[in-house]
Amino acid sequence: MRVLTSLFFLLFTNSILFSAQITTAKAAATEAAKKSDLSKSVAYLKQTVASFTDTREKRALCAFLASVQEQMGQYEDAEKSYAQAAAMVAGDAAGMPKKSSEQLVLDATRCALCCGNYANAESYLSSEVQNTADETTKAYLKLYRQWARLCKAESDTDTKAAVATLNTYVDNSSMTAVEPTVLLTLWHVTGSKSYSDKLKKKYPKSLETAIVKGDIQQLPAPFWYFVHRVGDAVAEVKQTAITETKSAAASSEKAKKQQLGLFKDESNAKVLVEKAKSKGFNAYIAPDVRPSGTKYYLVVVDENKSGSMGQKLRDAGFECYPFFD
């Protein structure tokens, strides 16, 4: 009798625990926000999303997980999570951001480009999303196709072809939704002041204008360091008050280096090294081989003891962001 009573107690206790499990995306997102740091939030979200059975809730939480991973700079993981969410056929979960499958595919594309995987990006762009009737989605598709071209460009000829196409998007009414980003891309790739001037005049309050003015930096955004720039173009930035956006995981660490650029073409990296050296900075190239086997060339400058190297580089007109590894 005592054994049966104990068994009944265990079953009863387990049923209470089971019923208390979180089964909605909103509740899981709220619980994840209580964690002490983003890495713990991600671990919790991964475990929780795997336990969900309701497709609508699972899709919403998977998309939320992807957004947190992207915020942390975990672009490969974020790409997979966005793609997983996009593949689920379900409606929107209550209390969570509404996102169409098309938007999720675009999110996956952006993250693929951020880690230099233009092949995956092109695969997403060739999926059913290309049949969209939404004008904003069409605009992003066109932009991301050119980003993919820039990402895999290995010569000035390749880059100039993408630049020529991007120029047709400027002042094009069908591309209004992405025009600030188009102008920022053209400014970054060519170094031409005409694009930054147009940004400041036409979109004075945009984030893109804040970037070209030096008020903020596009951090973390490694895609901009993958692209092959035309010739020795290095976009000049007049630095003012800088606001750096770092992930919570990195904010407590001290940077070991400042990264000025990342190139697939070593010759372009050498151009930037010489430019930095001409202004008194001891820049050098640090090769970086990715899991895919692709080799990149990072242009870096060691951080100084006071931690002020980043500001000194920005004062000299260089884009840079802290390198923690």
C-alpha atoms as a PDB file:
ATOM      1  CA  MET A   1       0.000   0.000   0.000  1.00  0.00           C
ATOM      2  CA  ARG A   2       2.873   2.321   0.878  1.00  0.00           C
ATOM      3  CA  VAL A   3       4.521   1.584  -2.501  1.00  0.00           C
ATOM      4  CA  LEU A   4       1.298   2.389  -4.341  1.00  0.00           C
ATOM      5  CA  THR A   5       0.913   5.603  -2.374  1.00  0.00           C
ATOM      6  CA  SER A   6       4.468   6.674  -3.222  1.00  0.00           C
ATOM      7  CA  LEU A   7       3.912   5.841  -6.876  1.00  0.00           C
ATOM      8  CA  PHE A   8       0.704   7.858  -6.884  1.00  0.00           C
ATOM      9  CA  PHE A   9       2.545  10.798  -5.276  1.00  0.00           C
ATOM     10  CA  LEU A  10       5.274  10.718  -7.939  1.00  0.00           C
ATOM     11  CA  LEU A  11       2.752  10.573 -10.756  1.00  0.00           C
ATOM     12  CA  PHE A  12       0.776  13.416  -9.232  1.00  0.00           C
ATOM     13  CA  THR A  13       3.902  15.542  -8.740  1.00  0.00           C
ATOM     14  CA  ASN A  14       5.072  14.933 -12.322  1.00  0.00           C
ATOM     15  CA  SER A  15       1.660  15.881 -13.660  1.00  0.00           C
ATOM     16  CA  ILE A  16       1.858  19.189 -11.816  1.00  0.00           C
ATOM     17  CA  LEU A  17       5.352  19.870 -13.178  1.00  0.00           C
ATOM     18  CA  PHE A  18       4.273  18.971 -16.701  1.00  0.00           C
ATOM     19  CA  SER A  19       1.248  21.225 -16.526  1.00  0.00           C
ATOM     20  CA  ALA A  20       3.510  24.056 -15.352  1.00  0.00           C
ATOM     21  CA  GLN A  21       5.816  23.748 -18.343  1.00  0.00           C
ATOM     22  CA  ILE A  22       5.915  26.771 -20.610  1.00  0.00           C
ATOM     23  CA  THR A  23       4.021  26.090 -23.808  1.00  0.00           C
ATOM     24  CA  THR A  24       3.638  29.544 -25.378  1.00  0.00           C
ATOM     25  CA  ALA A  25       6.269  31.540 -27.224  1.00  0.00           C
ATOM     26  CA  LYS A  26       5.405  34.711 -25.329  1.00  0.00           C
ATOM     27  CA  ALA A  27       5.916  33.059 -21.941  1.00  0.00           C
ATOM     28  CA  ALA A  28       9.205  31.506 -23.085  1.00  0.00           C
ATOM     29  CA  ALA A  29      10.469  34.833 -24.433  1.00  0.00           C
ATOM     30  CA  THR A  30       9.579  36.512 -21.146  1.00  0.00           C
ATOM     31  CA  GLU A  31      11.391  33.807 -19.181  1.00  0.00           C
ATOM     32  CA  ALA A  32      14.454  34.065 -21.445  1.00  0.00           C
ATOM     33  CA  ALA A  33      14.626  37.816 -20.786  1.00  0.00           C
ATOM     34  CA  LYS A  34      15.096  37.090 -17.072  1.00  0.00           C
ATOM     35  CA  LYS A  35      18.373  35.253 -17.634  1.00  0.00           C
ATOM     36  CA  SER A  36      21.560  36.938 -16.455  1.00  0.00           C
ATOM     37  CA  ASP A  37      23.136  37.096 -19.919  1.00  0.00           C
ATOM     38  CA  LEU A  38      22.291  36.444 -23.559  1.00  0.00           C
ATOM     39  CA  SER A  39      24.210  33.161 -23.763  1.00  0.00           C
ATOM     40  CA  LYS A  40      21.974  31.728 -21.030  1.00  0.00           C
ATOM     41  CA  SER A  41      18.913  33.119 -22.813  1.00  0.00           C
ATOM     42  CA  VAL A  42      19.940  31.348 -26.024  1.00  0.00           C
ATOM     43  CA  ALA A  43      20.567  28.050 -24.221  1.00  0.00           C
ATOM     44  CA  TYR A  44      17.158  28.278 -22.555  1.00  0.00           C
ATOM     45  CA  LEU A  45      15.391  29.155 -25.814  1.00  0.00           C
ATOM     46  CA  LYS A  46      17.034  26.256 -27.677  1.00  0.00           C
ATOM     47  CA  GLN A  47      15.920  23.792 -25.025  1.00  0.00           C
ATOM     48  CA  THR A  48      12.411  25.216 -24.841  1.00  0.00           C
ATOM     49  CA  VAL A  49      11.733  25.474 -28.574  1.00  0.00           C
ATOM     50  CA  ALA A  50      12.672  21.804 -28.967  1.00  0.00           C
ATOM     51  CA  SER A  51       9.955  20.839 -26.492  1.00  0.00           C
ATOM     52  CA  PHE A  52       7.135  22.766 -28.195  1.00  0.00           C
ATOM     53  CA  THR A  53       4.516  20.773 -30.071  1.00  0.00           C
ATOM     54  CA  ASP A  54       2.218  23.577 -31.237  1.00  0.00           C
ATOM     55  CA  THR A  55       3.635  24.596 -34.631  1.00  0.00           C
ATOM     56  CA  ARG A  56       2.463  28.187 -34.354  1.00  0.00           C
ATOM     57  CA  GLU A  57       4.161  28.685 -30.987  1.00  0.00           C
ATOM     58  CA  LYS A  58       7.271  26.784 -32.110  1.00  0.00           C
ATOM     59  CA  ARG A  59       7.580  28.942 -35.234  1.00  0.00           C
ATOM     60  CA  ALA A  60       7.298  32.183 -33.244  1.00  0.00           C
ATOM     61  CA  LEU A  61       9.829  31.098 -30.624  1.00  0.00           C
ATOM     62  CA  CYS A  62      12.247  29.861 -33.276  1.00  0.00           C
ATOM     63  CA  ALA A  63      12.087  33.284 -34.956  1.00  0.00           C
ATOM     64  CA  PHE A  64      12.632  34.967 -31.575  1.00  0.00           C
ATOM     65  CA  LEU A  65      15.630  32.723 -30.894  1.00  0.00           C
ATOM     66  CA  ALA A  66      17.045  33.709 -34.278  1.00  0.00           C
ATOM     67  CA  SER A  67      16.715  37.406 -33.456  1.00  0.00           C
ATOM     68  CA  VAL A  68      18.646  36.925 -30.190  1.00  0.00           C
ATOM     69  CA  GLN A  69      21.347  34.907 -31.964  1.00  0.00           C
ATOM     70  CA  GLU A  70      21.651  37.621 -34.601  1.00  0.00           C
ATOM     71  CA  GLN A  71      21.952  40.260 -31.873  1.00  0.00           C
ATOM     72  CA  MET A  72      24.835  38.266 -30.383  1.00  0.00           C
ATOM     73  CA  GLY A  73      26.578  38.026 -33.745  1.00  0.00           C
ATOM     74  CA  GLN A  74      25.931  34.258 -34.009  1.00  0.00           C
ATOM     75  CA  TYR A  75      25.004  34.628 -37.663  1.00  0.00           C
ATOM     76  CA  GLU A  76      25.330  30.997 -38.748  1.00  0.00           C
ATOM     77  CA  ASP A  77      23.036  29.855 -35.926  1.00  0.00           C
ATOM     78  CA  ALA A  78      20.633  32.737 -36.549  1.00  0.00           C
ATOM     79  CA  GLU A  79      20.470  31.834 -40.242  1.00  0.00           C
ATOM     80  CA  LYS A  80      19.495  28.260 -39.413  1.00  0.00           C
ATOM     81  CA  SER A  81      16.880  29.346 -36.860  1.00  0.00           C
ATOM     82  CA  TYR A  82      15.291  31.839 -39.259  1.00  0.00           C
ATOM     83  CA  ALA A  83      15.242  29.221 -42.024  1.00  0.00           C
ATOM     84  CA  GLN A  84      13.690  26.666 -39.662  1.00  0.00           C
ATOM     85  CA  ALA A  85      10.967  29.126 -38.691  1.00  0.00           C
ATOM     86  CA  ALA A  86      10.319  30.025 -42.339  1.00  0.00           C
ATOM     87  CA  ALA A  87       9.790  26.358 -43.193  1.00  0.00           C
ATOM     88  CA  MET A  88       6.985  25.964 -40.652  1.00  0.00           C
ATOM     89  CA  VAL A  89       3.508  26.431 -42.093  1.00  0.00           C
ATOM     90  CA  ALA A  90       1.576  28.138 -39.310  1.00  0.00           C
ATOM     91  CA  GLY A  91       0.002  31.412 -38.284  1.00  0.00           C
ATOM     92  CA  ASP A  92       1.322  33.980 -35.841  1.00  0.00           C
ATOM     93  CA  ALA A  93       1.446  33.235 -32.121  1.00  0.00           C
ATOM     94  CA  ALA A  94      -0.381  35.530 -29.708  1.00  0.00           C
ATOM     95  CA  GLY A  95       1.735  38.308 -28.232  1.00  0.00           C
ATOM     96  CA  MET A  96       4.698  37.717 -30.554  1.00  0.00           C
ATOM     97  CA  PRO A  97       5.959  39.792 -33.522  1.00  0.00           C
ATOM     98  CA  LYS A  98       4.072  39.001 -36.712  1.00  0.00           C
ATOM     99  CA  LYS A  99       6.382  37.759 -39.441  1.00  0.00           C
ATOM    100  CA  SER A 100       5.573  36.218 -42.775  1.00  0.00           C
ATOM    101  CA  SER A 101       7.580  33.329 -44.155  1.00  0.00           C
ATOM    102  CA  GLU A 102       8.920  35.720 -46.795  1.00  0.00           C
ATOM    103  CA  GLN A 103      10.272  38.040 -44.113  1.00  0.00           C
ATOM    104  CA  LEU A 104      11.896  35.116 -42.320  1.00  0.00           C
ATOM    105  CA  VAL A 105      13.588  33.995 -45.545  1.00  0.00           C
ATOM    106  CA  LEU A 106      14.970  37.514 -45.973  1.00  0.00           C
ATOM    107  CA  ASP A 107      16.217  37.405 -42.378  1.00  0.00           C
ATOM    108  CA  ALA A 108      17.968  34.105 -43.094  1.00  0.00           C
ATOM    109  CA  THR A 109      19.490  35.620 -46.235  1.00  0.00           C
ATOM    110  CA  ARG A 110      20.833  38.614 -44.325  1.00  0.00           C
ATOM    111  CA  CYS A 111      22.451  36.377 -41.703  1.00  0.00           C
ATOM    112  CA  ALA A 112      23.975  34.147 -44.378  1.00  0.00           C
ATOM    113  CA  LEU A 113      25.572  37.223 -45.940  1.00  0.00           C
ATOM    114  CA  CYS A 114      26.788  38.411 -42.547  1.00  0.00           C
ATOM    115  CA  CYS A 115      28.904  35.288 -42.209  1.00  0.00           C
ATOM    116  CA  GLY A 116      30.063  35.451 -45.819  1.00  0.00           C
ATOM    117  CA  ASN A 117      27.970  32.524 -47.066  1.00  0.00           C
ATOM    118  CA  TYR A 118      26.769  33.982 -50.356  1.00  0.00           C
ATOM    119  CA  ALA A 119      25.915  30.494 -51.693  1.00  0.00           C
ATOM    120  CA  ASN A 120      23.259  29.991 -49.012  1.00  0.00           C
ATOM    121  CA  ALA A 121      22.053  33.537 -49.528  1.00  0.00           C
ATOM    122  CA  GLU A 122      21.569  32.965 -53.246  1.00  0.00           C
ATOM    123  CA  SER A 123      19.752  29.721 -52.491  1.00  0.00           C
ATOM    124  CA  TYR A 124      17.251  31.526 -50.265  1.00  0.00           C
ATOM    125  CA  LEU A 125      16.786  34.249 -52.846  1.00  0.00           C
ATOM    126  CA  SER A 126      16.003  31.617 -55.486  1.00  0.00           C
ATOM    127  CA  SER A 127      13.312  29.991 -53.353  1.00  0.00           C
ATOM    128  CA  GLU A 128       9.566  30.650 -53.451  1.00  0.00           C
ATOM    129  CA  VAL A 129      10.171  34.091 -51.951  1.00  0.00           C
ATOM    130  CA  GLN A 130      11.088  35.384 -55.419  1.00  0.00           C
ATOM    131  CA  ASN A 131       7.422  35.000 -56.400  1.00  0.00           C
ATOM    132  CA  THR A 132       6.309  37.521 -53.789  1.00  0.00           C
ATOM    133  CA  ALA A 133       3.715  40.146 -54.619  1.00  0.00           C
ATOM    134  CA  ASP A 134       4.839  42.424 -51.792  1.00  0.00           C
ATOM    135  CA  GLU A 135       6.706  45.475 -53.094  1.00  0.00           C
ATOM    136  CA  THR A 136       8.900  45.906 -50.010  1.00  0.00           C
ATOM    137  CA  THR A 137       9.955  42.260 -50.141  1.00  0.00           C
ATOM    138  CA  LYS A 138      10.777  42.676 -53.830  1.00  0.00           C
ATOM    139  CA  ALA A 139      12.992  45.639 -52.995  1.00  0.00           C
ATOM    140  CA  TYR A 140      14.906  43.665 -50.366  1.00  0.00           C
ATOM    141  CA  LEU A 141      15.288  40.741 -52.764  1.00  0.00           C
ATOM    142  CA  LYS A 142      16.950  43.022 -55.304  1.00  0.00           C
ATOM    143  CA  LEU A 143      19.201  44.588 -52.678  1.00  0.00           C
ATOM    144  CA  TYR A 144      20.261  41.245 -51.193  1.00  0.00           C
ATOM    145  CA  ARG A 145      21.036  39.849 -54.652  1.00  0.00           C
ATOM    146  CA  GLN A 146      23.526  42.659 -55.133  1.00  0.00           C
ATOM    147  CA  TRP A 147      24.892  42.126 -51.642  1.00  0.00           C
ATOM    148  CA  ALA A 148      25.488  38.487 -52.573  1.00  0.00           C
ATOM    149  CA  ARG A 149      27.321  39.627 -55.718  1.00  0.00           C
ATOM    150  CA  LEU A 150      29.465  41.964 -53.634  1.00  0.00           C
ATOM    151  CA  CYS A 151      30.102  39.234 -51.089  1.00  0.00           C
ATOM    152  CA  LYS A 152      31.565  36.880 -53.690  1.00  0.00           C
ATOM    153  CA  ALA A 153      33.286  39.561 -55.799  1.00  0.00           C
ATOM    154  CA  GLU A 154      37.003  38.983 -56.215  1.00  0.00           C
ATOM    155  CA  SER A 155      37.955  41.854 -58.507  1.00  0.00           C
ATOM    156  CA  ASP A 156      37.100  45.444 -59.358  1.00  0.00           C
ATOM    157  CA  THR A 157      35.237  44.178 -62.406  1.00  0.00           C
ATOM    158  CA  ASP A 158      32.911  42.062 -60.267  1.00  0.00           C
ATOM    159  CA  THR A 159      32.346  44.894 -57.804  1.00  0.00           C
ATOM    160  CA  LYS A 160      31.715  47.500 -60.485  1.00  0.00           C
ATOM    161  CA  ALA A 161      29.003  45.304 -62.010  1.00  0.00           C
ATOM    162  CA  ALA A 162      27.132  45.283 -58.699  1.00  0.00           C
ATOM    163  CA  VAL A 163      27.735  49.012 -58.225  1.00  0.00           C
ATOM    164  CA  ALA A 164      26.260  49.716 -61.670  1.00  0.00           C
ATOM    165  CA  THR A 165      23.101  47.806 -60.750  1.00  0.00           C
ATOM    166  CA  LEU A 166      22.852  49.464 -57.333  1.00  0.00           C
ATOM    167  CA  ASN A 167      23.060  52.867 -59.014  1.00  0.00           C
ATOM    168  CA  THR A 168      19.902  52.070 -60.967  1.00  0.00           C
ATOM    169  CA  TYR A 169      18.100  51.654 -57.642  1.00  0.00           C
ATOM    170  CA  VAL A 170      18.827  55.220 -56.532  1.00  0.00           C
ATOM    171  CA  ASP A 171      15.797  57.511 -56.993  1.00  0.00           C
ATOM    172  CA  ASN A 172      13.822  54.475 -58.170  1.00  0.00           C
ATOM    173  CA  SER A 173      10.323  54.608 -56.637  1.00  0.00           C
ATOM    174  CA  SER A 174      10.098  50.809 -56.403  1.00  0.00           C
ATOM    175  CA  MET A 175      13.242  50.748 -54.235  1.00  0.00           C
ATOM    176  CA  THR A 176      12.291  53.501 -51.782  1.00  0.00           C
ATOM    177  CA  ALA A 177      12.081  51.059 -48.856  1.00  0.00           C
ATOM    178  CA  VAL A 178      15.783  50.205 -49.173  1.00  0.00           C
ATOM    179  CA  GLU A 179      17.237  53.330 -50.780  1.00  0.00           C
ATOM    180  CA  PRO A 180      19.071  54.515 -47.626  1.00  0.00           C
ATOM    181  CA  THR A 181      20.790  51.112 -47.424  1.00  0.00           C
ATOM    182  CA  VAL A 182      21.567  51.200 -51.142  1.00  0.00           C
ATOM    183  CA  LEU A 183      23.245  54.593 -50.727  1.00  0.00           C
ATOM    184  CA  LEU A 184      25.164  53.380 -47.675  1.00  0.00           C
ATOM    185  CA  THR A 185      26.369  50.350 -49.644  1.00  0.00           C
ATOM    186  CA  LEU A 186      27.506  52.486 -52.574  1.00  0.00           C
ATOM    187  CA  TRP A 187      29.305  54.882 -50.226  1.00  0.00           C
ATOM    188  CA  HIS A 188      31.051  52.028 -48.443  1.00  0.00           C
ATOM    189  CA  VAL A 189      32.101  50.187 -51.599  1.00  0.00           C
ATOM    190  CA  THR A 190      33.214  53.179 -53.679  1.00  0.00           C
ATOM    191  CA  GLY A 191      34.234  55.690 -51.013  1.00  0.00           C
ATOM    192  CA  SER A 192      32.420  58.390 -53.016  1.00  0.00           C
ATOM    193  CA  LYS A 193      31.256  61.399 -51.013  1.00  0.00           C
ATOM    194  CA  SER A 194      28.371  61.921 -53.438  1.00  0.00           C
ATOM    195  CA  TYR A 195      26.473  59.025 -51.863  1.00  0.00           C
ATOM    196  CA  SER A 196      26.961  60.198 -48.294  1.00  0.00           C
ATOM    197  CA  ASP A 197      25.903  63.712 -49.319  1.00  0.00           C
ATOM    198  CA  LYS A 198      22.742  62.355 -50.887  1.00  0.00           C
ATOM    199  CA  LEU A 199      22.016  60.298 -47.773  1.00  0.00           C
ATOM    200  CA  LYS A 200      22.376  63.289 -45.487  1.00  0.00           C
ATOM    201  CA  LYS A 201      20.194  65.447 -47.718  1.00  0.00           C
ATOM    202  CA  LYS A 202      17.429  62.957 -48.488  1.00  0.00           C
ATOM    203  CA  TYR A 203      17.383  60.861 -45.278  1.00  0.00           C
ATOM    204  CA  PRO A 204      18.824  63.145 -42.568  1.00  0.00           C
ATOM    205  CA  LYS A 205      17.357  61.183 -39.650  1.00  0.00           C
ATOM    206  CA  SER A 206      18.150  57.675 -40.878  1.00  0.00           C
ATOM    207  CA  LEU A 207      20.558  55.263 -39.206  1.00  0.00           C
ATOM    208  CA  GLU A 208      22.487  55.135 -42.471  1.00  0.00           C
ATOM    209  CA  THR A 209      23.096  58.876 -42.305  1.00  0.00           C
ATOM    210  CA  ALA A 210      24.236  58.557 -38.699  1.00  0.00           C
ATOM    211  CA  ILE A 211      26.767  55.960 -39.883  1.00  0.00           C
ATOM    212  CA  VAL A 212      28.235  58.103 -42.669  1.00  0.00           C
ATOM    213  CA  LYS A 213      28.424  61.086 -40.292  1.00  0.00           C
ATOM    214  CA  GLY A 214      30.254  58.981 -37.727  1.00  0.00           C
ATOM    215  CA  ASP A 215      27.595  59.401 -35.033  1.00  0.00           C
ATOM    216  CA  ILE A 216      27.216  55.620 -34.753  1.00  0.00           C
ATOM    217  CA  GLN A 217      28.927  52.530 -36.120  1.00  0.00           C
ATOM    218  CA  GLN A 218      27.326  49.575 -37.859  1.00  0.00           C
ATOM    219  CA  LEU A 219      28.292  47.056 -35.192  1.00  0.00           C
ATOM    220  CA  PRO A 220      28.341  44.156 -35.291  1.00  0.00           C
ATOM    221  CA  ALA A 221      28.141  43.882 -39.062  1.00  0.00           C
ATOM    222  CA  PRO A 222      30.889  41.754 -40.596  1.00  0.00           C
ATOM    223  CA  PHE A 223      29.218  41.746 -44.024  1.00  0.00           C
ATOM    224  CA  TRP A 224      30.674  45.190 -44.687  1.00  0.00           C
ATOM    225  CA  TYR A 225      34.144  43.777 -44.225  1.00  0.00           C
ATOM    226  CA  PHE A 226      33.619  40.908 -46.680  1.00  0.00           C
ATOM    227  CA  VAL A 227      32.924  43.056 -49.721  1.00  0.00           C
ATOM    228  CA  HIS A 228      35.565  43.866 -52.286  1.00  0.00           C
ATOM    229  CA  ARG A 229      35.866  47.639 -52.574  1.00  0.00           C
ATOM    230  CA  VAL A 230      36.563  49.385 -55.854  1.00  0.00           C
ATOM    231  CA  GLY A 231      40.281  50.039 -56.188  1.00  0.00           C
ATOM    232  CA  ASP A 232      41.658  51.338 -52.917  1.00  0.00           C
ATOM    233  CA  ALA A 233      38.369  52.935 -51.867  1.00  0.00           C
ATOM    234  CA  VAL A 234      38.029  53.378 -48.136  1.00  0.00           C
ATOM    235  CA  ALA A 235      35.008  55.370 -47.072  1.00  0.00           C
ATOM    236  CA  GLU A 236      36.113  58.355 -45.000  1.00  0.00           C
ATOM    237  CA  VAL A 237      34.141  59.150 -41.862  1.00  0.00           C
ATOM    238  CA  LYS A 238      34.170  62.475 -40.047  1.00  0.00           C
ATOM    239  CA  GLN A 239      33.986  61.239 -36.490  1.00  0.00           C
ATOM    240  CA  THR A 240      31.900  62.935 -33.838  1.00  0.00           C
ATOM    241  CA  ALA A 241      30.344  61.324 -30.798  1.00  0.00           C
ATOM    242  CA  ILE A 242      30.538  57.569 -31.260  1.00  0.00           C
ATOM    243  CA  THR A 243      27.987  55.165 -29.834  1.00  0.00           C
ATOM    244  CA  GLU A 244      29.119  51.560 -30.155  1.00  0.00           C
ATOM    245  CA  THR A 245      26.565  48.776 -30.042  1.00  0.00           C
ATOM    246  CA  LYS A 246      28.070  45.620 -28.609  1.00  0.00           C
ATOM    247  CA  SER A 247      26.434  42.386 -27.591  1.00  0.00           C
ATOM    248  CA  ALA A 248      25.931  41.838 -23.897  1.00  0.00           C
ATOM    249  CA  ALA A 249      28.244  38.859 -24.135  1.00  0.00           C
ATOM    250  CA  ALA A 250      31.131  41.042 -25.289  1.00  0.00           C
ATOM    251  CA  SER A 251      30.440  44.255 -23.371  1.00  0.00           C
ATOM    252  CA  SER A 252      32.328  43.139 -20.255  1.00  0.00           C
ATOM    253  CA  GLU A 253      35.399  41.997 -22.195  1.00  0.00           C
ATOM    254  CA  LYS A 254      38.354  44.132 -23.160  1.00  0.00           C
ATOM    255  CA  ALA A 255      39.104  44.309 -26.861  1.00  0.00           C
ATOM    256  CA  LYS A 256      42.475  42.876 -27.914  1.00  0.00           C
ATOM    257  CA  LYS A 257      42.505  44.450 -31.359  1.00  0.00           C
ATOM    258  CA  GLN A 258      40.618  46.902 -33.537  1.00  0.00           C
ATOM    259  CA  GLN A 259      39.530  45.497 -36.883  1.00  0.00           C
ATOM    260  CA  LEU A 260      39.624  47.916 -39.802  1.00  0.00           C
ATOM    261  CA  GLY A 261      38.577  45.537 -42.546  1.00  0.00           C
ATOM    262  CA  LEU A 262      38.130  41.991 -43.762  1.00  0.00           C
ATOM    263  CA  PHE A 263      38.846  41.014 -47.360  1.00  0.00           C
ATOM    264  CA  LYS A 264      38.842  37.973 -49.610  1.00  0.00           C
ATOM    265  CA  ASP A 265      41.474  39.649 -51.780  1.00  0.00           C
ATOM    266  CA  GLU A 266      44.802  40.002 -49.945  1.00  0.00           C
ATOM    267  CA  SER A 267      45.866  42.852 -52.217  1.00  0.00           C
ATOM    268  CA  ASN A 268      42.973  44.974 -50.984  1.00  0.00           C
ATOM    269  CA  ALA A 269      43.927  44.195 -47.396  1.00  0.00           C
ATOM    270  CA  LYS A 270      47.479  45.361 -48.125  1.00  0.00           C
ATOM    271  CA  VAL A 271      46.165  48.662 -49.490  1.00  0.00           C
ATOM    272  CA  LEU A 272      44.306  49.330 -46.246  1.00  0.00           C
ATOM    273  CA  VAL A 273      47.355  48.333 -44.171  1.00  0.00           C
ATOM    274  CA  GLU A 274      49.519  50.859 -46.039  1.00  0.00           C
ATOM    275  CA  LYS A 275      46.867  53.550 -45.675  1.00  0.00           C
ATOM    276  CA  ALA A 276      46.725  52.976 -41.910  1.00  0.00           C
ATOM    277  CA  LYS A 277      50.516  52.924 -41.621  1.00  0.00           C
ATOM    278  CA  SER A 278      50.732  56.218 -43.507  1.00  0.00           C
ATOM    279  CA  LYS A 279      48.719  57.750 -40.665  1.00  0.00           C
ATOM    280  CA  GLY A 280      50.940  56.296 -37.969  1.00  0.00           C
ATOM    281  CA  PHE A 281      49.106  53.069 -37.076  1.00  0.00           C
ATOM    282  CA  ASN A 282      50.890  49.713 -36.832  1.00  0.00           C
ATOM    283  CA  ALA A 283      48.340  47.810 -38.903  1.00  0.00           C
ATOM    284  CA  TYR A 284      48.897  44.273 -40.112  1.00  0.00           C
ATOM    285  CA  ILE A 285      47.088  41.383 -41.790  1.00  0.00           C
ATOM    286  CA  ALA A 286      45.730  38.447 -39.787  1.00  0.00           C
ATOM    287  CA  PRO A 287      44.576  35.551 -42.037  1.00  0.00           C
ATOM    288  CA  ASP A 288      41.315  33.903 -40.980  1.00  0.00           C
ATOM    289  CA  VAL A 289      40.172  30.551 -42.409  1.00  0.00           C
ATOM    290  CA  ARG A 290      36.462  29.883 -41.912  1.00  0.00           C
ATOM    291  CA  PRO A 291      34.914  26.412 -41.349  1.00  0.00           C
ATOM    292  CA  SER A 292      33.787  26.502 -44.985  1.00  0.00           C
ATOM    293  CA  GLY A 293      37.452  26.645 -46.013  1.00  0.00           C
ATOM    294  CA  THR A 294      37.215  30.220 -47.293  1.00  0.00           C
ATOM    295  CA  LYS A 295      40.221  32.338 -46.374  1.00  0.00           C
ATOM    296  CA  TYR A 296      39.821  35.973 -45.397  1.00  0.00           C
ATOM    297  CA  TYR A 297      42.388  38.637 -44.600  1.00  0.00           C
ATOM    298  CA  LEU A 298      41.676  40.754 -41.534  1.00  0.00           C
ATOM    299  CA  VAL A 299      43.316  44.158 -41.213  1.00  0.00           C
ATOM    300  CA  VAL A 300      43.869  44.849 -37.518  1.00  0.00           C
ATOM    301  CA  VAL A 301      45.648  47.148 -35.096  1.00  0.00           C
ATOM    302  CA  ASP A 302      46.490  46.016 -31.573  1.00  0.00           C
ATOM    303  CA  GLU A 303      44.569  47.742 -28.796  1.00  0.00           C
ATOM    304  CA  ASN A 304      46.638  49.957 -26.483  1.00  0.00           C
ATOM    305  CA  LYS A 305      46.731  49.801 -22.665  1.00  0.00           C
ATOM    306  CA  SER A 306      44.298  52.688 -22.247  1.00  0.00           C
ATOM    307  CA  GLY A 307      41.766  51.118 -24.598  1.00  0.00           C
ATOM    308  CA  SER A 308      41.661  54.238 -26.751  1.00  0.00           C
ATOM    309  CA  MET A 309      42.941  52.808 -30.041  1.00  0.00           C
ATOM    310  CA  GLY A 310      39.457  52.569 -31.532  1.00  0.00           C
ATOM    311  CA  GLN A 311      38.794  56.261 -30.945  1.00  0.00           C
ATOM    312  CA  LYS A 312      42.199  57.213 -32.347  1.00  0.00           C
ATOM    313  CA  LEU A 313      41.465  55.229 -35.515  1.00  0.00           C
ATOM    314  CA  ARG A 314      38.043  56.822 -35.886  1.00  0.00           C
ATOM    315  CA  ASP A 315      39.514  60.287 -35.328  1.00  0.00           C
ATOM    316  CA  ALA A 316      41.868  59.515 -38.224  1.00  0.00           C
ATOM    317  CA  GLY A 317      38.902  58.626 -40.445  1.00  0.00           C
ATOM    318  CA  PHE A 318      38.956  54.825 -40.267  1.00  0.00           C
ATOM    319  CA  GLU A 319      36.011  52.544 -39.687  1.00  0.00           C
ATOM    320  CA  CYS A 320      36.807  49.960 -37.051  1.00  0.00           C
ATOM    321  CA  TYR A 321      35.254  47.730 -34.457  1.00  0.00           C
ATOM    322  CA  PRO A 322      36.613  45.883 -31.432  1.00  0.00           C
ATOM    323  CA  PHE A 323      37.953  42.370 -31.901  1.00  0.00           C
ATOM    324  CA  PHE A 324      37.652  40.227 -28.770  1.00  0.00           C
ATOM    325  CA  ASP A 325      39.061  36.871 -29.825  1.00  0.00           C
END
